[in-house]
Amino acid sequence: MLGGPTFDESCQPLAQPGTADATCPDSPSAPVANLGISISFPGCCRANHTCGYQFDTIGGAFRLGLGCVDSAPFLDGDTPQACGESGAAGAGGDSGGSGAGGG
């Protein structure tokens, strides 16, 4: 059981979409109740172009499978950082340009 931040909805959906994004920071370290250790989760870019945290495993041993969760509960009222404005988290790519006409 984690101490510290909690989600407004305690039942979180599995496999929330998101992609790895170097601009998204890792989560703040959170204490694990009754174990005397703290853990953090890697940053990821959510489909809404805000940074989240990848909640798939804890220490590679415990599978959570939540995917890229909302980072807001960890930010003490701050707004999650923007990310992936071009191409990350499922955004569309450039359509390309048209060729020149013949003469």
Foldseek 3Di string as FASTA:
>chain_A
DWPAFADPDNDADFAQFWAADPVFQKFDWTDDPPPRGTFIFGWTAHLVQFIFGAQQATPVPRGDRRGGDHRVSRPVNDDTHGHDPADTNPDDHDPDDDDDDDD
